[in-house]
Amino acid sequence: QLQLAESGGDLVQVGGSLRLSCKTSGFDLNNYATAWFRQAPGKEREEVACILSARGITDYRDSAKGRFTVSANNAKNTVDLQMDNLRPEDTAVYFCAAREFYGVGCLYYAPWYLNWGQGTQVTVSA
């Protein structure tokens, strides 16, 4: 059974850092696109970053570029999101998502991803 479980969310001050981890099971990361999304209260779920680990391809939403880094560890079956220089607008529940995919481009359309974790809360205080 395919499962994803996020961890690492916390309360952090502006300018601080957090590392989120998505523990996966039941599938081979090499055959899947994996992405991080976030959802703030009253807002739609939005993409943050995507990784195609077999091809070494990563992509980031503009707000994450230069501050966030997504990485995959196939041996540990984890997909991490390192977040630096955090801002209050980064406050949200962060989700990881995955879908079997053999293409070469990241997709940022949430309904396309068939498998989701339960989310982890990130709060950035001013």
Protein backbone atom coordinates (compact mmCIF):
# COMPACT_ATOMS: atom_id res chain seq x y z
CA GLN A 1 0.00 0.00 0.00
CA LEU A 2 1.40 3.38 -1.04
CA GLN A 3 1.82 5.77 1.89
CA LEU A 4 3.33 9.18 2.53
CA ALA A 5 3.88 10.73 5.96
CA GLU A 6 5.18 14.25 6.56
CA SER A 7 7.09 15.39 9.61
CA GLY A 8 9.24 18.29 10.76
CA GLY A 9 6.70 21.10 10.97
CA ASP A 10 7.15 23.52 13.84
CA LEU A 11 6.90 27.10 15.05
CA VAL A 12 9.88 29.16 13.89
CA GLN A 13 10.80 32.83 13.84
CA VAL A 14 11.17 34.93 10.73
CA GLY A 15 14.48 34.20 9.04
CA GLY A 16 14.74 30.75 10.60
CA SER A 17 14.98 27.35 8.96
CA LEU A 18 13.07 24.08 9.00
CA ARG A 19 13.57 20.75 7.31
CA LEU A 20 10.45 18.82 6.42
CA SER A 21 10.60 15.14 5.60
CA CYS A 22 8.19 12.94 3.68
CA LYS A 23 8.60 9.27 4.52
CA THR A 24 7.31 7.13 1.66
CA SER A 25 6.50 3.45 1.39
CA GLY A 26 4.95 1.09 -1.09
CA PHE A 27 6.53 2.55 -4.22
CA ASP A 28 9.83 3.28 -5.91
CA LEU A 29 10.71 6.97 -5.88
CA ASN A 30 12.50 6.50 -9.20
CA ASN A 31 9.17 5.84 -10.89
CA TYR A 32 7.25 8.71 -9.33
CA ALA A 33 7.00 12.47 -9.42
CA THR A 34 6.96 13.81 -5.87
CA ALA A 35 5.96 17.32 -4.90
CA TRP A 36 5.49 19.53 -1.88
CA PHE A 37 2.34 21.65 -1.64
CA ARG A 38 1.11 23.97 1.07
CA GLN A 39 -2.23 25.34 2.16
CA ALA A 40 -2.78 28.38 4.34
CA PRO A 41 -6.10 29.03 6.11
CA GLY A 42 -8.71 30.29 3.68
CA LYS A 43 -6.47 29.78 0.67
CA GLU A 44 -6.16 27.19 -2.04
CA ARG A 45 -3.50 24.52 -1.98
CA GLU A 46 -0.46 25.72 -3.87
CA GLU A 47 2.64 24.06 -5.19
CA VAL A 48 6.02 24.66 -3.61
CA ALA A 49 8.53 22.27 -5.20
CA CYS A 50 8.73 19.13 -7.27
CA ILE A 51 11.33 16.43 -7.80
CA LEU A 52 11.82 13.67 -10.35
CA SER A 53 14.49 11.74 -8.49
CA ALA A 54 15.39 9.31 -11.28
CA ARG A 55 16.27 12.19 -13.58
CA GLY A 56 17.71 14.56 -11.02
CA ILE A 57 15.12 17.16 -11.95
CA THR A 58 13.85 19.68 -9.41
CA ASP A 59 11.60 22.68 -9.86
CA TYR A 60 10.34 25.41 -7.56
CA ARG A 61 7.52 27.89 -7.36
CA ASP A 62 8.81 31.47 -7.58
CA SER A 63 8.21 32.13 -3.88
CA ALA A 64 10.43 29.15 -2.97
CA LYS A 65 13.29 29.75 -5.37
CA GLY A 66 16.54 30.54 -3.61
CA ARG A 67 15.12 29.68 -0.17
CA PHE A 68 13.81 26.10 -0.41
CA THR A 69 15.60 22.95 -1.54
CA VAL A 70 13.90 19.66 -2.33
CA SER A 71 15.87 16.42 -2.27
CA ALA A 72 15.21 12.69 -2.41
CA ASN A 73 16.99 9.83 -0.68
CA ASN A 74 16.04 6.65 -2.48
CA ALA A 75 17.80 4.44 0.05
CA LYS A 76 15.74 5.89 2.90
CA ASN A 77 12.59 6.42 0.79
CA THR A 78 12.33 10.03 1.88
CA VAL A 79 11.75 13.34 0.13
CA ASP A 80 12.89 16.33 2.14
CA LEU A 81 12.19 20.04 1.87
CA GLN A 82 14.84 22.30 3.38
CA MET A 83 13.35 25.73 4.03
CA ASP A 84 15.60 28.68 4.84
CA ASN A 85 14.98 32.37 5.45
CA LEU A 86 11.37 31.68 6.35
CA ARG A 87 8.76 34.41 6.10
CA PRO A 88 5.35 34.83 7.77
CA GLU A 89 3.69 34.11 4.42
CA ASP A 90 5.24 30.64 4.48
CA THR A 91 2.88 29.73 7.32
CA ALA A 92 0.73 26.83 6.12
CA VAL A 93 0.13 23.11 6.33
CA TYR A 94 2.66 21.43 4.09
CA PHE A 95 1.79 18.26 2.18
CA CYS A 96 3.81 15.86 0.10
CA ALA A 97 2.21 14.19 -2.88
CA ALA A 98 3.22 11.59 -5.44
CA ARG A 99 2.13 10.02 -8.67
CA GLU A 100 3.68 7.41 -10.95
CA PHE A 101 5.32 9.33 -13.76
CA TYR A 102 7.96 8.71 -16.38
CA GLY A 103 8.07 12.14 -18.01
CA VAL A 104 10.67 14.85 -17.78
CA GLY A 105 8.74 17.86 -16.48
CA CYS A 106 7.22 18.64 -13.11
CA LEU A 107 3.47 19.15 -12.91
CA TYR A 108 2.00 21.55 -10.38
CA TYR A 109 -1.65 20.66 -10.70
CA ALA A 110 -2.76 19.29 -7.32
CA PRO A 111 -5.59 17.03 -8.60
CA TRP A 112 -3.05 15.26 -10.83
CA TYR A 113 -1.34 13.82 -7.77
CA LEU A 114 -3.17 10.71 -6.61
CA ASN A 115 -1.39 10.09 -3.33
CA TRP A 116 -1.08 12.52 -0.41
CA GLY A 117 0.23 12.64 3.12
CA GLN A 118 -1.69 14.05 6.06
CA GLY A 119 0.31 17.30 6.24
CA THR A 120 2.54 19.01 8.79
CA GLN A 121 2.02 22.51 10.21
CA VAL A 122 4.63 25.21 9.67
CA THR A 123 4.14 28.49 11.52
CA VAL A 124 6.47 31.44 11.04
CA SER A 125 6.17 34.16 13.64
CA ALA A 126 7.10 37.77 13.01
